């Protein structure tokens, strides 16, 4: 319970510190100078997907407060090529603002630059780019801290001894890679008696992750716990552990709080969720977009890290936790 409240307090502080100035150029026309509806595009990593769906809803609800339309631009697959294609095609619609959750911190830079060159301001949400030149702001999960929470949970649950597997979607996403780094660094520093197996990549679907974990468990029957770095990794791990008859024997912890993950947490099939706050991050992005479009650059913080919150069966019904749980659909 204390973990959740500390995380929420830190988040509130992070969201309140929007005081720094953006270096990007101001738009020529503000919403007050035109009668048309301001359109903000949100390009997710993939859709439908509970994390990104929740981010969109946070942005859309906040947009209503300003009379803005937030458009959810569908992306059919979680990979840089697909997201690049979507961004390049959507540029023709010339939105007033772009919010994007990049799946790769390098290869998405050229597409983002095209928006900047076209005079369309950009904020990254949930993750960012290595080259942040020209961005109005970057708002991201403190993924390293979130991975640390999972490592501390497993360290306690396993008594500092055992074997743990790590499951990622694919290499190249700084968002997910930072989660794994936070996990691995904490394990090495605080729990040297726990062996962390080589990171595995399960792809972006639950079935592919289930298959990856089943193979891993066959190769390493000594595995005591599995860390799923995203919701699909976690859901696939739950299914794989059940398929080999090890539910309750092999612990599963994961990032995010998809409806399925929450269901499995309540059922005792997953022991811990490191929950990001995509809705709050996206709402803050819309606040910054409004500040930018209305010339209030002083209220924009160029970089904001929002902490994760640890959720277990014991605190999931806490009134401070329930608003953070993800929902599906746009």
Protein backbone atom coordinates (compact mmCIF):
# COMPACT_ATOMS: atom_id res chain seq x y z
CA UNK A 1 0.00 0.00 0.00
CA UNK A 2 2.81 2.36 0.90
CA UNK A 3 4.49 1.69 -2.44
CA UNK A 4 1.42 2.82 -4.35
CA UNK A 5 0.98 5.98 -2.33
CA UNK A 6 4.64 6.93 -2.62
CA UNK A 7 4.48 6.36 -6.38
CA UNK A 8 1.33 8.42 -6.72
CA UNK A 9 2.77 11.25 -4.66
CA UNK A 10 5.88 11.27 -6.80
CA UNK A 11 3.74 11.30 -9.93
CA UNK A 12 1.76 14.25 -8.67
CA UNK A 13 4.98 16.11 -8.03
CA UNK A 14 6.30 15.27 -11.49
CA UNK A 15 3.13 16.41 -13.19
CA UNK A 16 3.07 19.62 -11.18
CA UNK A 17 6.58 20.67 -12.13
CA UNK A 18 5.65 21.88 -15.63
CA UNK A 19 7.63 25.10 -15.38
CA UNK A 20 10.43 24.95 -17.92
CA UNK A 21 10.43 26.51 -21.38
CA UNK A 22 10.34 24.55 -24.66
CA UNK A 23 12.91 25.42 -27.28
CA UNK A 24 10.58 24.76 -30.23
CA UNK A 25 9.24 27.62 -32.32
CA UNK A 26 5.73 28.84 -31.59
CA UNK A 27 2.98 28.31 -34.18
CA UNK A 28 1.94 31.19 -36.40
CA UNK A 29 -1.72 30.88 -35.46
CA UNK A 30 -3.24 30.06 -32.09
CA UNK A 31 -6.61 28.35 -31.58
CA UNK A 32 -8.04 31.66 -30.40
CA UNK A 33 -7.35 33.15 -33.83
CA UNK A 34 -9.35 30.56 -35.78
CA UNK A 35 -12.84 29.15 -35.48
CA UNK A 36 -11.94 25.64 -36.63
CA UNK A 37 -11.47 22.74 -34.23
CA UNK A 38 -7.89 22.03 -33.23
CA UNK A 39 -6.89 18.46 -34.14
CA UNK A 40 -4.27 16.57 -32.15
CA UNK A 41 -3.10 13.27 -33.62
CA UNK A 42 -2.09 10.47 -31.27
CA UNK A 43 -0.02 7.75 -32.95
CA UNK A 44 0.37 4.73 -30.60
CA UNK A 45 2.90 1.94 -30.72
CA UNK A 46 0.16 -0.45 -31.87
CA UNK A 47 -3.62 -0.59 -31.66
CA UNK A 48 -5.79 -1.93 -30.24
CA UNK A 49 -3.65 -2.38 -27.14
CA UNK A 50 -4.77 -1.57 -23.57
CA UNK A 51 -1.75 0.60 -22.70
CA UNK A 52 -2.09 2.77 -25.78
CA UNK A 53 -5.90 2.69 -25.68
CA UNK A 54 -5.71 4.06 -22.13
CA UNK A 55 -3.27 6.76 -23.23
CA UNK A 56 -5.62 7.80 -26.01
CA UNK A 57 -8.58 8.06 -23.65
CA UNK A 58 -6.55 10.19 -21.26
CA UNK A 59 -5.64 12.52 -24.12
CA UNK A 60 -9.18 12.59 -25.55
CA UNK A 61 -10.78 13.41 -22.20
CA UNK A 62 -8.29 16.19 -21.56
CA UNK A 63 -8.78 17.48 -25.10
CA UNK A 64 -12.49 17.94 -24.47
CA UNK A 65 -11.67 20.47 -21.76
CA UNK A 66 -10.08 22.67 -24.40
CA UNK A 67 -12.51 21.91 -27.21
CA UNK A 68 -9.85 19.94 -29.09
CA UNK A 69 -10.35 16.80 -31.16
CA UNK A 70 -7.84 14.06 -30.35
CA UNK A 71 -7.59 11.58 -33.22
CA UNK A 72 -6.48 8.00 -32.55
CA UNK A 73 -4.38 7.01 -35.57
CA UNK A 74 -4.35 3.19 -35.85
CA UNK A 75 -1.08 1.26 -36.12
CA UNK A 76 -1.50 -2.40 -37.05
CA UNK A 77 1.78 -3.86 -35.78
CA UNK A 78 4.31 -3.05 -33.07
CA UNK A 79 7.35 -2.40 -35.21
CA UNK A 80 9.24 0.64 -36.45
CA UNK A 81 8.50 0.02 -40.13
CA UNK A 82 4.74 0.00 -39.59
CA UNK A 83 4.79 3.03 -37.31
CA UNK A 84 6.99 4.94 -39.76
CA UNK A 85 4.58 4.15 -42.58
CA UNK A 86 1.62 5.38 -40.54
CA UNK A 87 3.39 8.58 -39.51
CA UNK A 88 4.45 9.36 -43.06
CA UNK A 89 0.93 8.79 -44.40
CA UNK A 90 -0.75 10.78 -41.62
CA UNK A 91 1.45 13.80 -42.26
CA UNK A 92 -0.72 14.64 -45.27
CA UNK A 93 -3.63 15.43 -42.94
CA UNK A 94 -1.49 18.14 -41.31
CA UNK A 95 -2.79 17.97 -37.72
CA UNK A 96 -2.25 20.92 -35.41
CA UNK A 97 -0.19 18.79 -33.04
CA UNK A 98 1.33 15.30 -32.92
CA UNK A 99 1.52 13.06 -29.87
CA UNK A 100 3.47 9.87 -30.59
CA UNK A 101 4.58 6.83 -28.61
CA UNK A 102 7.69 5.76 -30.56
CA UNK A 103 8.47 2.04 -30.68
CA UNK A 104 12.10 2.69 -31.62
CA UNK A 105 14.19 5.56 -30.31
CA UNK A 106 16.32 5.93 -33.45
CA UNK A 107 14.48 4.83 -36.59
CA UNK A 108 11.38 6.93 -35.83
CA UNK A 109 13.41 10.15 -35.75
CA UNK A 110 13.21 10.92 -39.52
CA UNK A 111 9.40 10.62 -39.56
CA UNK A 112 9.09 12.86 -36.51
CA UNK A 113 11.45 15.36 -38.12
CA UNK A 114 9.13 15.61 -41.13
CA UNK A 115 6.36 16.81 -38.82
CA UNK A 116 8.66 19.35 -37.20
CA UNK A 117 9.82 20.56 -40.62
CA UNK A 118 6.17 20.94 -41.64
CA UNK A 119 5.54 23.22 -38.65
CA UNK A 120 3.67 20.58 -36.65
CA UNK A 121 4.78 20.53 -33.00
CA UNK A 122 5.51 17.12 -31.46
CA UNK A 123 5.42 15.63 -27.98
CA UNK A 124 6.53 12.05 -27.32
CA UNK A 125 4.41 10.11 -24.81
CA UNK A 126 5.31 6.92 -22.94
CA UNK A 127 8.75 6.79 -24.53
CA UNK A 128 11.04 9.12 -26.40
CA UNK A 129 13.79 9.42 -29.02
CA UNK A 130 17.54 9.49 -28.54
CA UNK A 131 17.67 12.73 -30.52
CA UNK A 132 15.07 15.01 -28.92
CA UNK A 133 15.97 18.11 -30.94
CA UNK A 134 12.90 20.17 -31.77
CA UNK A 135 10.45 18.28 -29.57
CA UNK A 136 8.11 20.45 -27.55
CA UNK A 137 8.32 17.96 -24.68
CA UNK A 138 8.90 14.33 -23.83
CA UNK A 139 6.70 12.64 -21.25
CA UNK A 140 7.64 9.12 -20.30
CA UNK A 141 7.23 6.39 -17.77
CA UNK A 142 10.17 6.05 -15.41
CA UNK A 143 10.75 2.63 -16.89
CA UNK A 144 13.99 2.03 -15.03
CA UNK A 145 12.24 2.63 -11.70
CA UNK A 146 9.39 0.36 -12.81
CA UNK A 147 11.80 -2.48 -13.56
CA UNK A 148 13.42 -1.93 -10.18
CA UNK A 149 10.04 -2.45 -8.49
CA UNK A 150 9.68 -5.88 -10.12
CA UNK A 151 13.20 -6.93 -9.11
CA UNK A 152 12.58 -5.91 -5.51
CA UNK A 153 9.32 -7.88 -5.50
CA UNK A 154 10.95 -11.07 -6.83
CA UNK A 155 13.90 -10.61 -4.49
CA UNK A 156 11.58 -10.57 -1.51
CA UNK A 157 9.33 -13.38 -2.73
CA UNK A 158 12.22 -15.70 -3.61
CA UNK A 159 14.19 -14.94 -0.47
CA UNK A 160 17.17 -13.79 -2.53
CA UNK A 161 17.70 -17.17 -4.24
CA UNK A 162 16.46 -18.76 -7.45
CA UNK A 163 16.31 -18.38 -11.21
CA UNK A 164 14.37 -15.69 -13.05
CA UNK A 165 13.53 -15.32 -16.74
CA UNK A 166 13.01 -11.99 -18.54
CA UNK A 167 10.70 -11.60 -21.52
CA UNK A 168 10.67 -8.59 -23.87
CA UNK A 169 8.80 -7.86 -27.12
CA UNK A 170 11.71 -7.03 -29.44
CA UNK A 171 15.06 -5.23 -29.24
CA UNK A 172 15.31 -1.50 -29.96
CA UNK A 173 12.61 0.11 -27.82
CA UNK A 174 14.21 2.32 -25.17
CA UNK A 175 10.92 2.22 -23.29
CA UNK A 176 11.03 -1.53 -22.72
CA UNK A 177 14.81 -1.85 -22.65
CA UNK A 178 14.95 0.58 -19.72
CA UNK A 179 12.52 -1.65 -17.80
CA UNK A 180 14.79 -4.62 -18.28
CA UNK A 181 17.87 -2.59 -17.36
CA UNK A 182 16.26 -1.40 -14.12
CA UNK A 183 15.34 -5.00 -13.32
CA UNK A 184 18.77 -6.43 -14.15
CA UNK A 185 20.75 -3.71 -12.38
CA UNK A 186 18.70 -4.12 -9.21
CA UNK A 187 19.03 -7.90 -9.28
CA UNK A 188 22.81 -7.70 -9.65
CA UNK A 189 23.19 -5.08 -6.93
CA UNK A 190 20.72 -6.34 -4.34
CA UNK A 191 20.08 -10.03 -5.03
CA UNK A 192 23.30 -11.70 -6.24
CA UNK A 193 21.92 -15.10 -5.24
CA UNK A 194 19.28 -14.92 -7.98
CA UNK A 195 20.30 -16.03 -11.47
CA UNK A 196 18.78 -13.94 -14.27
CA UNK A 197 18.56 -15.88 -17.52
CA UNK A 198 19.38 -14.30 -20.88
CA UNK A 199 16.61 -11.96 -22.03
CA UNK A 200 14.14 -13.54 -24.47
CA UNK A 201 12.03 -11.83 -27.15
CA UNK A 202 8.47 -13.05 -27.52
CA UNK A 203 7.03 -10.65 -30.09
CA UNK A 204 3.92 -8.51 -29.74
CA UNK A 205 1.17 -11.12 -29.36
CA UNK A 206 0.10 -13.26 -26.42
CA UNK A 207 0.37 -16.58 -28.38
CA UNK A 208 3.92 -15.81 -29.52
CA UNK A 209 4.92 -15.01 -25.95
CA UNK A 210 3.26 -18.14 -24.64
CA UNK A 211 5.29 -20.16 -27.11
CA UNK A 212 8.51 -18.36 -26.15
CA UNK A 213 7.99 -18.98 -22.44
CA UNK A 214 7.09 -22.64 -22.95
CA UNK A 215 10.36 -23.11 -24.81
CA UNK A 216 12.24 -21.26 -22.11
CA UNK A 217 10.72 -23.39 -19.34
CA UNK A 218 11.62 -26.57 -21.20
CA UNK A 219 15.22 -25.37 -21.52
CA UNK A 220 15.35 -24.10 -17.93
CA UNK A 221 13.05 -26.18 -15.71
CA UNK A 222 14.73 -24.62 -12.66
CA UNK A 223 13.01 -21.28 -13.40
CA UNK A 224 11.21 -19.86 -10.36
CA UNK A 225 9.81 -16.64 -11.80
CA UNK A 226 9.16 -14.82 -15.08
CA UNK A 227 9.26 -11.05 -15.60
CA UNK A 228 7.12 -9.89 -18.53
CA UNK A 229 8.34 -6.44 -19.58
CA UNK A 230 5.01 -5.59 -21.24
CA UNK A 231 1.42 -6.70 -20.89
CA UNK A 232 1.60 -9.17 -23.79
CA UNK A 233 4.76 -10.67 -22.30
CA UNK A 234 3.01 -11.04 -18.96
CA UNK A 235 -0.17 -12.51 -20.40
CA UNK A 236 1.83 -14.95 -22.52
CA UNK A 237 3.88 -15.99 -19.49
CA UNK A 238 0.73 -16.66 -17.44
CA UNK A 239 -0.65 -18.87 -20.22
CA UNK A 240 2.63 -20.75 -20.62
CA UNK A 241 3.03 -21.40 -16.90
CA UNK A 242 -0.54 -22.72 -16.78
CA UNK A 243 0.06 -24.90 -19.84
CA UNK A 244 2.96 -26.69 -18.16
CA UNK A 245 1.02 -27.11 -14.91
CA UNK A 246 3.21 -24.75 -12.87
CA UNK A 247 0.65 -22.11 -11.84
CA UNK A 248 1.46 -21.15 -8.25
CA UNK A 249 4.91 -22.70 -8.50
CA UNK A 250 6.41 -20.25 -10.98
CA UNK A 251 5.73 -16.62 -10.17
CA UNK A 252 4.85 -14.11 -12.88
CA UNK A 253 5.22 -10.35 -12.62
CA UNK A 254 4.73 -7.86 -15.42
CA UNK A 255 4.47 -4.27 -16.47
CA UNK A 256 1.13 -2.61 -17.14
CA UNK A 257 -2.40 -3.32 -15.96
CA UNK A 258 -4.41 -4.69 -18.87
CA UNK A 259 -7.87 -6.10 -18.09
CA UNK A 260 -6.49 -9.62 -18.50
CA UNK A 261 -3.52 -8.93 -16.23
CA UNK A 262 -5.81 -7.47 -13.57
CA UNK A 263 -8.08 -10.51 -13.84
CA UNK A 264 -5.13 -12.85 -13.42
CA UNK A 265 -3.78 -10.82 -10.50
CA UNK A 266 -7.09 -11.18 -8.70
CA UNK A 267 -7.00 -14.92 -9.46
CA UNK A 268 -3.52 -15.27 -8.00
CA UNK A 269 -1.90 -16.26 -11.31
CA UNK A 270 0.26 -13.15 -11.41
CA UNK A 271 1.82 -11.80 -8.24
CA UNK A 272 2.83 -8.25 -9.10
CA UNK A 273 2.14 -5.51 -11.65
CA UNK A 274 4.42 -2.54 -12.22
CA UNK A 275 1.81 -0.10 -13.46
CA UNK A 276 2.59 2.84 -15.71
CA UNK A 277 0.23 5.77 -15.95
CA UNK A 278 -0.42 6.23 -19.69
CA UNK A 279 -3.70 8.10 -19.24
CA UNK A 280 -2.11 10.67 -16.93
CA UNK A 281 0.91 11.03 -19.21
CA UNK A 282 -1.23 11.64 -22.29
CA UNK A 283 -3.46 14.10 -20.43
CA UNK A 284 -0.37 16.05 -19.42
CA UNK A 285 0.76 16.01 -23.06
CA UNK A 286 -2.53 17.64 -24.07
CA UNK A 287 -2.06 20.26 -21.35
CA UNK A 288 1.38 21.03 -22.76
CA UNK A 289 -0.01 21.09 -26.31
CA UNK A 290 -2.64 23.61 -25.23
CA UNK A 291 0.01 25.73 -23.52
CA UNK A 292 2.13 25.66 -26.67
CA UNK A 293 -0.74 26.49 -29.01
CA UNK A 294 -1.83 29.40 -26.83
CA UNK A 295 1.67 30.81 -26.38
CA UNK A 296 2.13 29.81 -22.74
CA UNK A 297 5.51 28.15 -23.26
CA UNK A 298 6.66 28.90 -19.72
CA UNK A 299 4.30 26.24 -18.35
CA UNK A 300 5.84 23.45 -20.46
CA UNK A 301 8.39 21.14 -18.88
CA UNK A 302 10.63 19.73 -21.66
CA UNK A 303 11.14 16.38 -19.92
CA UNK A 304 8.87 14.60 -17.43
CA UNK A 305 9.34 11.13 -15.94
CA UNK A 306 6.24 9.63 -14.33
CA UNK A 307 6.92 6.87 -11.78
CA UNK A 308 5.36 3.43 -11.84
CA UNK A 309 3.16 2.11 -9.05
CA UNK A 310 3.47 -1.39 -7.60
CA UNK A 311 0.15 -3.25 -7.55
CA UNK A 312 -0.59 -6.54 -5.80
CA UNK A 313 -3.69 -8.46 -4.84
CA UNK A 314 -3.57 -6.65 -1.49
CA UNK A 315 -3.83 -3.09 -2.82
CA UNK A 316 -5.60 -3.43 -6.16
CA UNK A 317 -8.91 -2.15 -4.76
CA UNK A 318 -7.33 0.89 -3.12
CA UNK A 319 -9.17 4.02 -4.38
CA UNK A 320 -5.81 5.47 -5.39
CA UNK A 321 -5.04 2.43 -7.57
CA UNK A 322 -8.27 1.65 -9.43
CA UNK A 323 -8.12 4.75 -11.70
CA UNK A 324 -4.72 3.58 -12.96
CA UNK A 325 -5.95 0.22 -14.29
CA UNK A 326 -6.12 0.02 -18.08
CA UNK A 327 -9.18 -0.53 -20.22
CA UNK A 328 -9.43 -1.81 -23.79
CA UNK A 329 -10.81 -0.08 -26.85
CA UNK A 330 -10.81 3.52 -27.99
